[in-house]
């Protein structure tokens, strides 16, 4: 009986922990608030959403040399091509316009920050927006080439959630640094391990008595 009760408690504990994990907000603070981890897209965004306006190559150089809280390996966001969710489909490798939610910045704008097509992110957003600072409505570079013309690269504007392209050499846009994966995975809290260890100890005592 004691064994069955302990097993039931252990099962309930692990189910509760799983439920807690799935109920977490999509954005989790990292590096003391300098970044936020999107546990759905599995990428980490810099909390400071701005940079100087620069050309595409300068933007790539800037982000590659970025060190945030001792973490390197940052990059520009990626644009997914093609993206069937985009409002404009111009051939097999050219998806643009509104609702490009498969791209990293499109997913951030629409799904994570609660933006609306055709509306500035400052006018339509959810509480996640308040975690970031200096969000610019002018275009942001992505790290993805515009395949129909390699003199251009994809960009995204937060003035209305639009994905488009601009000339790499002559256009000056902002950059928002992102990092693949979680820059600082959080372990299971020590108190939880202590609780589970205690239950396992009770299970061992019950086995000994029997």
Protein backbone atom coordinates (compact mmCIF):
# COMPACT_ATOMS: atom_id res chain seq x y z
CA UNK A 1 0.00 0.00 0.00
CA UNK A 2 2.78 2.43 0.97
CA UNK A 3 4.60 1.60 -2.27
CA UNK A 4 1.50 2.30 -4.37
CA UNK A 5 0.87 5.60 -2.57
CA UNK A 6 4.44 6.79 -3.12
CA UNK A 7 4.31 5.85 -6.80
CA UNK A 8 1.04 7.75 -7.12
CA UNK A 9 2.59 10.85 -5.49
CA UNK A 10 5.66 10.64 -7.75
CA UNK A 11 3.47 10.37 -10.87
CA UNK A 12 1.39 13.33 -9.79
CA UNK A 13 4.54 15.34 -9.10
CA UNK A 14 5.98 14.74 -12.58
CA UNK A 15 2.63 15.49 -14.20
CA UNK A 16 2.45 18.77 -12.26
CA UNK A 17 5.98 19.71 -13.30
CA UNK A 18 5.14 19.00 -16.95
CA UNK A 19 2.01 21.12 -16.71
CA UNK A 20 4.02 23.96 -15.16
CA UNK A 21 6.49 23.83 -18.06
CA UNK A 22 3.80 23.89 -20.74
CA UNK A 23 2.02 26.80 -19.04
CA UNK A 24 5.10 29.01 -19.05
CA UNK A 25 5.03 32.23 -21.00
CA UNK A 26 6.68 32.02 -24.40
CA UNK A 27 9.33 34.54 -23.31
CA UNK A 28 11.68 33.64 -20.44
CA UNK A 29 14.17 36.12 -19.00
CA UNK A 30 17.82 35.39 -19.67
CA UNK A 31 21.15 37.11 -18.86
CA UNK A 32 19.65 39.21 -16.11
CA UNK A 33 17.04 40.74 -18.39
CA UNK A 34 19.43 41.46 -21.27
CA UNK A 35 17.69 38.81 -23.40
CA UNK A 36 14.50 36.74 -23.58
CA UNK A 37 14.20 33.12 -24.63
CA UNK A 38 11.27 32.09 -26.84
CA UNK A 39 10.67 28.52 -25.67
CA UNK A 40 8.38 27.80 -28.62
CA UNK A 41 10.64 28.99 -31.46
CA UNK A 42 13.74 27.94 -29.44
CA UNK A 43 15.60 31.21 -30.01
CA UNK A 44 16.78 34.01 -27.71
CA UNK A 45 16.15 37.67 -28.54
CA UNK A 46 18.25 40.58 -27.32
CA UNK A 47 16.10 42.74 -25.03
CA UNK A 48 17.48 45.93 -26.56
CA UNK A 49 15.85 45.85 -29.98
CA UNK A 50 17.87 48.55 -31.67
CA UNK A 51 21.25 49.32 -33.18
CA UNK A 52 22.64 52.05 -35.39
CA UNK A 53 21.16 52.09 -38.88
CA UNK A 54 23.62 50.39 -41.21
CA UNK A 55 24.07 48.48 -44.45
CA UNK A 56 23.40 44.75 -44.59
CA UNK A 57 27.07 43.75 -44.45
CA UNK A 58 27.75 46.12 -41.57
CA UNK A 59 24.75 44.66 -39.76
CA UNK A 60 26.15 41.15 -40.15
CA UNK A 61 29.56 42.27 -38.91
CA UNK A 62 28.01 44.08 -35.93
CA UNK A 63 25.91 41.15 -34.76
CA UNK A 64 28.72 38.61 -35.22
CA UNK A 65 30.93 40.65 -32.86
CA UNK A 66 28.21 41.22 -30.28
CA UNK A 67 28.84 40.10 -26.71
CA UNK A 68 25.83 40.21 -24.39
CA UNK A 69 26.42 39.21 -20.81
CA UNK A 70 29.41 37.13 -21.88
CA UNK A 71 27.43 35.32 -24.59
CA UNK A 72 28.60 35.45 -28.22
CA UNK A 73 27.29 33.73 -31.36
CA UNK A 74 24.48 36.20 -32.09
CA UNK A 75 23.09 36.58 -35.61
CA UNK A 76 20.45 38.38 -37.65
CA UNK A 77 16.97 36.80 -37.79
CA UNK A 78 16.15 34.48 -40.67
CA UNK A 79 13.46 34.90 -43.30
CA UNK A 80 11.91 31.60 -44.39
CA UNK A 81 11.40 31.31 -48.15
CA UNK A 82 8.92 30.35 -49.38
CA UNK A 83 6.34 31.09 -46.68
CA UNK A 84 2.81 30.04 -47.57
CA UNK A 85 1.40 32.31 -44.84
CA UNK A 86 2.59 35.51 -46.54
CA UNK A 87 0.00 37.68 -48.23
CA UNK A 88 2.07 37.91 -51.44
CA UNK A 89 3.51 34.92 -53.27
CA UNK A 90 5.75 36.00 -56.15
CA UNK A 91 7.09 32.75 -57.53
CA UNK A 92 8.44 29.70 -55.76
CA UNK A 93 11.03 31.53 -53.64
CA UNK A 94 9.61 34.99 -53.04
CA UNK A 95 7.08 35.35 -50.20
CA UNK A 96 6.44 38.88 -48.98
CA UNK A 97 3.86 41.20 -47.49
CA UNK A 98 1.81 40.67 -44.31
CA UNK A 99 1.50 37.59 -42.06
CA UNK A 100 4.88 36.00 -42.86
CA UNK A 101 4.76 34.11 -39.57
CA UNK A 102 7.17 31.33 -40.53
CA UNK A 103 10.01 33.85 -40.59
CA UNK A 104 11.59 34.62 -37.22
CA UNK A 105 10.71 38.32 -37.18
CA UNK A 106 7.23 37.64 -38.52
CA UNK A 107 6.64 35.09 -35.79
CA UNK A 108 7.91 37.60 -33.22
CA UNK A 109 5.67 40.39 -34.49
CA UNK A 110 2.43 38.41 -34.89
CA UNK A 111 2.59 35.43 -32.54
CA UNK A 112 4.87 36.53 -29.71
CA UNK A 113 4.20 40.27 -29.46
CA UNK A 114 0.59 40.16 -30.67
CA UNK A 115 0.98 42.58 -33.58
CA UNK A 116 -1.70 43.13 -36.22
CA UNK A 117 -1.23 43.36 -39.98
CA UNK A 118 -1.11 46.94 -41.19
CA UNK A 119 -0.86 48.39 -37.67
CA UNK A 120 2.20 49.70 -35.84
CA UNK A 121 3.44 47.42 -33.06
CA UNK A 122 3.12 50.43 -30.74
CA UNK A 123 -0.62 50.55 -31.38
CA UNK A 124 -1.38 46.83 -31.25
CA UNK A 125 0.55 44.41 -29.02
CA UNK A 126 0.36 42.20 -25.94
CA UNK A 127 2.23 42.31 -22.63
CA UNK A 128 5.33 40.62 -24.11
CA UNK A 129 6.06 43.84 -25.97
CA UNK A 130 6.87 45.57 -22.69
CA UNK A 131 9.80 43.19 -22.10
CA UNK A 132 11.75 44.79 -24.96
CA UNK A 133 13.05 48.32 -25.31
CA UNK A 134 13.82 50.58 -28.29
CA UNK A 135 11.68 48.65 -30.77
CA UNK A 136 11.93 50.51 -34.08
CA UNK A 137 9.09 50.71 -36.58
CA UNK A 138 11.48 51.33 -39.48
CA UNK A 139 12.81 48.20 -41.19
CA UNK A 140 15.08 45.59 -39.65
CA UNK A 141 17.56 43.53 -41.64
CA UNK A 142 17.34 39.76 -41.75
CA UNK A 143 20.35 37.62 -42.57
CA UNK A 144 18.60 36.05 -45.57
CA UNK A 145 19.51 36.87 -49.17
CA UNK A 146 16.78 37.89 -51.60
CA UNK A 147 17.31 35.04 -54.06
CA UNK A 148 15.81 36.74 -57.16
CA UNK A 149 18.45 39.50 -56.78
CA UNK A 150 21.45 38.88 -54.49
CA UNK A 151 22.15 42.61 -54.31
CA UNK A 152 19.16 42.69 -51.96
CA UNK A 153 18.26 41.05 -48.63
CA UNK A 154 14.97 40.46 -46.81
CA UNK A 155 13.84 42.88 -44.13
CA UNK A 156 10.89 43.29 -41.77
CA UNK A 157 9.12 46.43 -40.57
CA UNK A 158 7.29 46.77 -37.26
CA UNK A 159 5.22 49.66 -38.57
CA UNK A 160 2.75 47.13 -39.93
CA UNK A 161 4.27 43.64 -39.94
CA UNK A 162 5.50 43.72 -43.54
CA UNK A 163 8.25 41.55 -45.00
CA UNK A 164 10.06 43.01 -48.00
CA UNK A 165 13.54 43.46 -49.44
CA UNK A 166 16.10 46.24 -49.84
CA UNK A 167 19.45 46.86 -51.48
CA UNK A 168 22.26 45.59 -49.23
CA UNK A 169 24.72 48.37 -50.02
CA UNK A 170 22.61 51.52 -50.15
CA UNK A 171 19.85 50.95 -47.58
CA UNK A 172 20.45 51.73 -43.91
CA UNK A 173 18.25 49.66 -41.58
CA UNK A 174 18.26 48.62 -37.93
CA UNK A 175 19.35 45.23 -36.60
CA UNK A 176 17.82 43.07 -33.86
CA UNK A 177 20.18 40.39 -32.53
CA UNK A 178 18.94 36.83 -32.04
CA UNK A 179 20.66 33.67 -30.82
CA UNK A 180 19.80 30.12 -31.80
CA UNK A 181 18.54 28.08 -28.85
CA UNK A 182 18.51 28.97 -25.17
CA UNK A 183 21.55 30.98 -24.05
CA UNK A 184 21.11 29.89 -20.42
CA UNK A 185 18.98 26.81 -19.83
CA UNK A 186 17.40 26.80 -16.38
CA UNK A 187 17.80 23.56 -14.39
CA UNK A 188 15.05 22.03 -12.29
CA UNK A 189 15.01 23.99 -8.99
CA UNK A 190 16.97 22.42 -6.14
CA UNK A 191 13.85 22.35 -3.94
CA UNK A 192 12.09 20.13 -6.46
CA UNK A 193 15.02 17.70 -6.54
CA UNK A 194 15.04 17.64 -2.74
CA UNK A 195 11.34 16.84 -2.66
CA UNK A 196 11.71 14.02 -5.18
CA UNK A 197 14.77 12.66 -3.36
CA UNK A 198 12.76 12.56 -0.13
CA UNK A 199 9.98 10.61 -1.79
CA UNK A 200 12.48 8.14 -3.23
CA UNK A 201 13.95 7.76 0.26
CA UNK A 202 10.51 6.93 1.63
CA UNK A 203 10.08 4.40 -1.15
CA UNK A 204 13.37 2.77 -0.13
CA UNK A 205 12.28 2.60 3.52
CA UNK A 206 8.98 1.02 2.52
CA UNK A 207 10.79 -1.63 0.51
CA UNK A 208 13.14 -2.32 3.45
CA UNK A 209 10.21 -2.81 5.87
CA UNK A 210 8.61 -5.29 3.51
